[in-house]
């Protein structure tokens, strides 16, 4: 679907700057069901519309914009079995339940079209309809997140975790624990030989030697 704005006025040009910089979302709404020309739909019937958010990509410059004109538009519609209850149809098949659109960067190093105030903005939408609330299976052979999560990645993470634990244990046993033991020993000896004469003996005992009496 081709959609061309004949001319970009100054307010719309600055709005596009916000959209490209993701300072504000570019959102609109589309009818959830086909609307006849004679139908009267008021602003209060929000359930008859489906929100559509468009992720517009591009580059901001001081004097102009670069906007990616090619976008994918994905529309999810309800299936027939969603509107059948006890053998009776309770809704319309093909009702739009969700939609989104996003820019596709050009191939290679080709830059996006350069736009200034007053230029036309041609947008080309590649529309795909899915009669389900779920996406279809992936058509690529890559597994995981973009082909980056494999068995080797999991093994590498486990080995890194083991190396970190071993290094921490060696540091604790080889440096931190002996340092704390030396400090504990010096504090105990210093307390036992200090002016108060108590050290780590029983509280209230004299000469650092604890005494207890039983009655």
Protein backbone atom coordinates (compact mmCIF):
# COMPACT_ATOMS: atom_id res chain seq x y z
CA UNK A 1 0.00 0.00 0.00
CA UNK A 2 1.43 3.37 -1.01
CA UNK A 3 0.63 6.38 1.15
CA UNK A 4 2.18 9.71 0.13
CA UNK A 5 1.96 12.98 1.99
CA UNK A 6 2.08 15.62 -0.72
CA UNK A 7 3.92 18.19 1.40
CA UNK A 8 5.39 18.29 4.89
CA UNK A 9 4.29 21.47 6.70
CA UNK A 10 6.45 22.88 9.44
CA UNK A 11 4.41 21.45 12.40
CA UNK A 12 4.35 17.94 10.92
CA UNK A 13 8.05 18.12 10.13
CA UNK A 14 8.87 18.80 13.78
CA UNK A 15 6.46 16.10 14.89
CA UNK A 16 8.40 13.62 12.77
CA UNK A 17 11.52 14.65 14.66
CA UNK A 18 9.86 13.53 17.89
CA UNK A 19 8.69 10.27 16.31
CA UNK A 20 12.10 9.38 14.91
CA UNK A 21 13.86 10.23 18.16
CA UNK A 22 11.28 8.12 20.06
CA UNK A 23 10.30 11.07 22.23
CA UNK A 24 6.66 10.37 21.42
CA UNK A 25 4.92 7.37 19.82
CA UNK A 26 3.27 7.64 16.41
CA UNK A 27 -0.13 6.11 17.12
CA UNK A 28 -3.49 6.05 15.42
CA UNK A 29 -6.52 3.78 15.41
CA UNK A 30 -8.20 1.68 12.77
CA UNK A 31 -11.76 0.28 12.69
CA UNK A 32 -11.94 -3.20 14.18
CA UNK A 33 -14.67 -4.14 11.72
CA UNK A 34 -15.51 -2.81 8.25
CA UNK A 35 -17.39 0.46 8.45
CA UNK A 36 -20.12 1.28 5.98
CA UNK A 37 -20.32 4.85 4.66
CA UNK A 38 -23.74 5.32 6.27
CA UNK A 39 -22.67 4.08 9.69
CA UNK A 40 -22.45 6.59 12.51
CA UNK A 41 -19.60 5.85 14.89
CA UNK A 42 -19.17 8.22 17.80
CA UNK A 43 -15.97 8.90 19.68
CA UNK A 44 -17.33 7.06 22.73
CA UNK A 45 -17.45 3.65 21.00
CA UNK A 46 -13.79 2.87 21.64
CA UNK A 47 -14.38 -0.88 21.37
CA UNK A 48 -14.94 -0.48 17.63
CA UNK A 49 -11.38 0.68 17.06
CA UNK A 50 -8.01 -1.03 17.39
CA UNK A 51 -4.91 1.03 18.29
CA UNK A 52 -2.06 1.01 15.77
CA UNK A 53 1.44 2.09 16.79
CA UNK A 54 3.96 2.84 14.05
CA UNK A 55 7.68 2.59 14.81
CA UNK A 56 9.11 5.09 12.33
CA UNK A 57 12.88 4.89 11.85
CA UNK A 58 15.22 7.49 10.46
CA UNK A 59 18.06 9.91 11.23
CA UNK A 60 17.92 13.43 12.61
CA UNK A 61 20.10 16.16 11.11
CA UNK A 62 20.34 19.86 11.84
CA UNK A 63 18.70 20.96 8.59
CA UNK A 64 16.86 17.87 7.34
CA UNK A 65 15.60 14.36 8.12
CA UNK A 66 16.24 10.90 6.77
CA UNK A 67 13.12 8.73 7.06
CA UNK A 68 12.88 5.05 6.14
CA UNK A 69 9.84 4.89 3.83
CA UNK A 70 9.35 1.09 3.78
CA UNK A 71 7.27 -0.33 6.61
CA UNK A 72 5.82 -3.71 7.55
CA UNK A 73 2.25 -3.68 8.81
CA UNK A 74 1.06 -6.73 10.75
CA UNK A 75 -2.64 -7.18 11.48
CA UNK A 76 -4.11 -9.90 13.71
CA UNK A 77 -7.74 -10.85 13.25
CA UNK A 78 -9.98 -13.11 15.28
CA UNK A 79 -10.57 -16.66 14.08
CA UNK A 80 -13.98 -18.24 13.52
CA UNK A 81 -13.76 -20.55 16.54
CA UNK A 82 -13.29 -17.55 18.87
CA UNK A 83 -16.89 -16.42 18.23
CA UNK A 84 -18.68 -19.75 18.48
CA UNK A 85 -20.19 -20.58 21.88
CA UNK A 86 -22.29 -23.74 22.21
CA UNK A 87 -22.69 -23.92 18.48
CA UNK A 88 -23.90 -20.32 18.16
CA UNK A 89 -21.94 -17.49 16.59
CA UNK A 90 -21.40 -14.66 19.11
CA UNK A 91 -19.27 -12.26 17.06
CA UNK A 92 -17.82 -11.41 13.68
CA UNK A 93 -15.11 -13.44 12.07
CA UNK A 94 -12.12 -11.41 10.93
CA UNK A 95 -12.43 -8.68 13.54
CA UNK A 96 -9.13 -6.86 13.99
CA UNK A 97 -7.74 -7.52 17.48
CA UNK A 98 -4.20 -6.07 17.20
CA UNK A 99 -1.98 -4.25 14.72
CA UNK A 100 1.50 -2.75 14.56
CA UNK A 101 3.85 -1.30 11.96
CA UNK A 102 7.62 -0.80 11.89
CA UNK A 103 10.21 0.56 9.47
CA UNK A 104 12.55 -1.68 7.49
CA UNK A 105 16.01 -0.17 6.79
CA UNK A 106 17.22 -0.15 3.19
CA UNK A 107 19.57 -2.84 1.94
CA UNK A 108 23.29 -2.23 1.99
CA UNK A 109 24.61 1.25 2.66
CA UNK A 110 21.94 3.13 0.76
CA UNK A 111 20.75 6.10 2.83
CA UNK A 112 17.12 6.82 3.54
CA UNK A 113 15.45 9.63 1.57
CA UNK A 114 16.43 13.15 2.60
CA UNK A 115 13.51 15.37 3.58
CA UNK A 116 13.12 19.06 4.35
CA UNK A 117 10.07 21.19 5.09
CA UNK A 118 7.74 21.16 2.09
CA UNK A 119 8.98 17.88 0.59
CA UNK A 120 6.58 14.98 -0.10
CA UNK A 121 6.82 11.91 2.14
CA UNK A 122 6.09 8.63 0.34
CA UNK A 123 5.43 5.66 2.63
CA UNK A 124 5.10 2.08 1.40
CA UNK A 125 3.37 -0.46 3.64
CA UNK A 126 3.79 -4.21 3.22
CA UNK A 127 0.66 -5.60 4.89
CA UNK A 128 0.31 -9.11 6.31
CA UNK A 129 -2.87 -10.50 7.85
CA UNK A 130 -2.93 -13.31 10.42
CA UNK A 131 -6.22 -14.90 11.45
CA UNK A 132 -4.84 -15.75 14.89
CA UNK A 133 -3.64 -14.00 17.99
CA UNK A 134 -0.26 -15.77 17.68
CA UNK A 135 2.51 -15.26 15.16
CA UNK A 136 3.19 -18.04 12.65
CA UNK A 137 6.30 -20.22 13.05
CA UNK A 138 9.63 -18.68 12.14
CA UNK A 139 10.82 -19.22 8.57
CA UNK A 140 14.55 -19.00 9.37
CA UNK A 141 16.85 -21.82 10.37
CA UNK A 142 18.35 -19.87 13.25
CA UNK A 143 17.47 -20.87 16.78
CA UNK A 144 17.19 -18.74 19.85
CA UNK A 145 17.49 -14.97 19.73
CA UNK A 146 18.60 -14.28 16.19
CA UNK A 147 20.82 -17.37 16.06
CA UNK A 148 23.06 -16.25 18.95
CA UNK A 149 21.86 -18.64 21.67
CA UNK A 150 23.34 -22.11 21.09
CA UNK A 151 24.76 -24.92 23.22
CA UNK A 152 28.22 -23.35 22.92
CA UNK A 153 26.84 -20.10 24.36
CA UNK A 154 25.32 -21.90 27.35
CA UNK A 155 28.56 -23.86 27.96
CA UNK A 156 30.58 -20.64 27.76
CA UNK A 157 28.32 -18.98 30.34
CA UNK A 158 28.62 -21.98 32.69
CA UNK A 159 32.42 -22.05 32.32
CA UNK A 160 32.59 -18.33 33.00
CA UNK A 161 30.46 -18.80 36.10
CA UNK A 162 32.69 -21.63 37.32
CA UNK A 163 35.86 -19.59 36.72
CA UNK A 164 34.38 -16.67 38.63
CA UNK A 165 33.42 -18.85 41.59
CA UNK A 166 36.86 -20.52 41.65
CA UNK A 167 38.63 -17.16 41.51
CA UNK A 168 36.49 -15.77 44.31
CA UNK A 169 37.13 -18.86 46.48
CA UNK A 170 40.90 -18.66 45.87
CA UNK A 171 40.92 -14.97 46.79
CA UNK A 172 38.92 -15.65 49.96
CA UNK A 173 41.07 -18.58 51.13
CA UNK A 174 44.42 -17.16 50.01
CA UNK A 175 44.17 -13.52 51.04
CA UNK A 176 40.99 -12.36 52.74
CA UNK A 177 40.61 -15.18 55.32
CA UNK A 178 44.29 -15.09 56.48
CA UNK A 179 44.09 -11.30 56.75
CA UNK A 180 41.01 -11.52 58.93
CA UNK A 181 42.56 -14.24 61.09
CA UNK A 182 45.68 -12.13 61.64
CA UNK A 183 43.52 -9.15 62.57
CA UNK A 184 41.45 -11.27 64.93
CA UNK A 185 44.61 -12.64 66.57
CA UNK A 186 46.18 -9.23 67.05
CA UNK A 187 42.95 -7.81 68.49
CA UNK A 188 42.65 -10.71 70.93
CA UNK A 189 46.24 -10.48 72.07
CA UNK A 190 46.06 -6.71 72.35
CA UNK A 191 42.86 -6.91 74.38
CA UNK A 192 44.29 -9.52 76.75
CA UNK A 193 47.43 -7.42 77.36
CA UNK A 194 45.65 -4.02 77.41
CA UNK A 195 45.16 -1.70 80.31
CA UNK A 196 41.74 -2.99 81.19
CA UNK A 197 43.13 -6.45 81.84
CA UNK A 198 40.01 -8.14 80.54
CA UNK A 199 40.63 -9.16 76.96
CA UNK A 200 38.06 -11.72 75.81
CA UNK A 201 37.50 -13.20 79.27
CA UNK A 202 34.25 -13.19 81.14
CA UNK A 203 32.78 -9.74 81.70
CA UNK A 204 33.65 -8.39 85.11
CA UNK A 205 36.57 -10.80 85.65
CA UNK A 206 39.93 -9.45 86.72
CA UNK A 207 43.23 -10.07 84.99
CA UNK A 208 41.55 -11.37 81.87
CA UNK A 209 40.66 -14.66 83.58
CA UNK A 210 37.04 -15.53 83.85
CA UNK A 211 35.64 -16.83 87.10
CA UNK A 212 32.26 -18.24 87.85
CA UNK A 213 30.78 -19.27 91.15
CA UNK A 214 27.97 -21.72 91.61
CA UNK A 215 25.71 -21.65 94.63
